[in-house]
Protein backbone atom coordinates (compact mmCIF):
# COMPACT_ATOMS: atom_id res chain seq x y z
CA MET A 1 0.00 0.00 0.00
CA THR A 2 1.43 3.39 -0.98
CA ILE A 3 1.27 6.47 1.23
CA THR A 4 -1.45 8.06 -0.90
CA GLU A 5 -3.46 4.82 -0.86
CA ALA A 6 -3.24 4.76 2.94
CA ILE A 7 -4.17 8.38 3.77
CA PRO A 8 -6.18 11.18 2.14
CA HIS A 9 -3.45 13.85 2.48
CA ARG A 10 -1.98 15.29 -0.72
CA PRO A 11 0.72 17.84 -1.58
CA PRO A 12 1.37 20.45 -0.47
CA PHE A 13 0.13 19.02 2.85
CA LEU A 14 1.47 15.48 2.49
CA LEU A 15 4.23 15.53 5.10
CA VAL A 16 5.61 11.99 4.88
CA ASP A 17 8.04 11.21 2.07
CA GLU A 18 8.77 7.57 2.75
CA VAL A 19 7.73 4.62 4.87
CA ILE A 20 10.92 2.95 6.09
CA ALA A 21 9.27 0.03 7.89
CA ILE A 22 6.14 -1.21 9.57
CA GLU A 23 6.90 -3.79 12.23
CA GLY A 24 4.14 -4.96 14.54
CA ASN A 25 2.52 -1.87 16.09
CA THR A 26 5.28 0.53 15.03
CA ILE A 27 5.89 2.54 11.86
CA ARG A 28 9.11 4.31 10.90
CA THR A 29 8.90 7.08 8.32
CA ARG A 30 11.06 9.85 6.90
CA ARG A 31 10.66 13.39 5.54
CA ARG A 32 13.08 15.96 4.17
CA ALA A 33 12.41 19.59 5.07
CA ASP A 34 12.62 21.13 1.59
CA PRO A 35 14.58 24.41 1.73
CA ALA A 36 12.29 25.76 -1.02
CA ASP A 37 9.20 25.36 1.18
CA PRO A 38 7.62 28.85 1.48
CA VAL A 39 7.13 28.38 5.23
CA PHE A 40 10.85 29.03 5.74
CA LYS A 41 10.55 32.57 4.34
CA GLY A 42 8.42 33.61 7.29
CA HIS A 43 9.42 31.18 10.06
CA PHE A 44 11.82 32.82 10.71
CA PRO A 45 13.59 35.24 8.34
CA ASN A 46 17.37 34.89 8.69
CA ASN A 47 16.95 31.89 11.04
CA PRO A 48 14.51 29.47 9.35
CA ILE A 49 13.12 26.48 11.26
CA LEU A 50 10.27 24.15 10.42
CA PRO A 51 7.31 24.94 12.69
CA GLY A 52 6.97 22.27 15.35
CA VAL A 53 3.30 21.86 14.50
CA LEU A 54 4.31 20.64 11.02
CA VAL A 55 6.70 18.09 12.53
CA CYS A 56 3.78 16.96 14.71
CA GLU A 57 1.57 16.73 11.62
CA SER A 58 4.17 14.47 10.01
CA LEU A 59 3.88 12.20 13.05
CA PHE A 60 0.07 12.30 12.86
CA GLN A 61 0.19 11.35 9.17
CA SER A 62 2.60 8.53 9.98
CA ALA A 63 0.08 7.26 12.55
CA ALA A 64 -2.69 7.46 9.94
CA ILE A 65 -0.61 5.28 7.59
CA LEU A 66 -0.12 2.80 10.44
CA MET A 67 -3.88 2.85 11.16
CA ALA A 68 -4.59 1.98 7.52
CA HIS A 69 -2.18 -0.92 7.82
CA LEU A 70 -3.44 -2.23 11.18
CA LEU A 71 -7.15 -1.62 10.61
CA GLU A 72 -7.45 -3.03 7.11
CA GLY A 73 -10.95 -2.48 5.80
CA ALA A 74 -11.99 -0.31 8.75
CA MET A 75 -10.57 2.76 7.02
CA ASP A 76 -12.63 2.30 3.84
CA ASN A 77 -14.81 5.42 3.47
CA ALA A 78 -13.27 6.81 6.65
CA VAL A 79 -10.51 9.22 7.60
CA PRO A 80 -8.27 9.48 10.64
CA VAL A 81 -9.04 12.62 12.63
CA LEU A 82 -6.78 13.95 15.36
CA THR A 83 -8.69 14.04 18.65
CA ARG A 84 -6.10 14.54 21.39
CA VAL A 85 -2.55 15.81 21.84
CA SER A 86 -0.69 15.59 25.12
CA ASN A 87 2.83 15.79 26.46
CA ALA A 88 4.28 17.45 23.35
CA LYS A 89 7.93 18.26 23.87
CA PHE A 90 9.94 20.27 21.35
CA LYS A 91 13.64 19.67 21.91
CA HIS A 92 15.59 20.31 18.71
CA PRO A 93 14.82 22.45 15.66
CA VAL A 94 14.31 21.07 12.16
CA LYS A 95 16.19 23.29 9.70
CA PRO A 96 15.82 23.62 5.92
CA GLY A 97 17.39 20.60 4.24
CA ASP A 98 17.22 18.41 7.36
CA THR A 99 15.84 14.91 7.02
CA TYR A 100 13.86 13.86 10.04
CA GLU A 101 12.98 10.30 10.86
CA MET A 102 9.87 9.43 12.75
CA GLU A 103 8.74 6.49 14.81
CA VAL A 104 5.13 6.12 15.86
CA GLN A 105 3.92 3.35 18.13
CA PHE A 106 0.29 2.25 18.35
CA LYS A 107 -0.57 1.84 22.06
CA GLU A 108 -4.25 0.84 22.17
CA LYS A 109 -7.66 1.14 20.54
CA LEU A 110 -10.76 2.09 22.51
CA SER A 111 -13.98 2.23 20.49
CA ASN A 112 -13.06 4.28 17.41
CA ALA A 113 -10.03 6.00 19.02
CA CYS A 114 -6.44 4.89 18.54
CA PHE A 115 -3.71 6.06 20.93
CA PHE A 116 -0.09 6.64 19.91
CA ASN A 117 3.37 7.75 21.03
CA GLY A 118 5.55 9.46 18.46
CA VAL A 119 9.07 10.78 18.17
CA ALA A 120 10.81 12.68 15.37
CA LYS A 121 14.60 12.86 15.23
CA VAL A 122 17.16 14.80 13.22
CA ASN A 123 20.60 13.17 13.06
CA GLY A 124 19.73 11.07 16.11
CA LYS A 125 18.62 14.09 18.19
CA THR A 126 15.01 14.18 19.34
CA ALA A 127 13.16 17.08 17.71
CA VAL A 128 9.66 16.26 18.94
CA ASN A 129 8.22 13.73 21.37
CA ILE A 130 4.42 13.52 21.64
CA GLU A 131 1.44 11.44 22.74
CA PHE A 132 -1.77 11.70 20.71
CA ALA A 133 -4.99 10.02 19.64
CA CYS A 134 -6.82 9.74 16.33
CA ALA A 135 -10.38 8.61 15.69
CA VAL A 136 -11.70 6.70 12.72
CA VAL A 137 -14.44 8.95 11.36
CA THR A 138 -16.60 7.98 8.42
CA ASN A 139 -16.86 10.31 5.47
CA GLN A 140 -20.62 10.41 6.07
CA VAL A 141 -20.08 11.90 9.55
CA LEU A 142 -17.62 14.47 8.18
CA ASN A 143 -20.02 15.50 5.42
CA HIS A 144 -22.80 16.17 7.95
CA ALA A 145 -20.70 18.02 10.50
């Protein structure tokens, strides 16, 4: 299954370049922070860094890919929707041209909610560490919201 088969995100908001591995309840992914990305012009001029929220989004998208893998069939006509973020820690900046590697671990599923731990690293240094949850929401529910 390709990334775009697994999740509904598309450029310019597809923030996972590659799935390195899926092993058990864990996915490892990678993304390169493109120096040409317009976000770097404003965040911050003369000292560009990738906004931490975009690194988090990369982790969320990695979790969504893992959900599609683990919940085969359950994601048909459904999308993963972020429902909770906790214990986010931002420890190291992601600079233009950096490649950051992510690891997301599925912890448990309660009803339609899946709980995860995620970490993003640049050159072995932790950039972001976060706990979060995503719900499986049918397209029908989204269309009536």
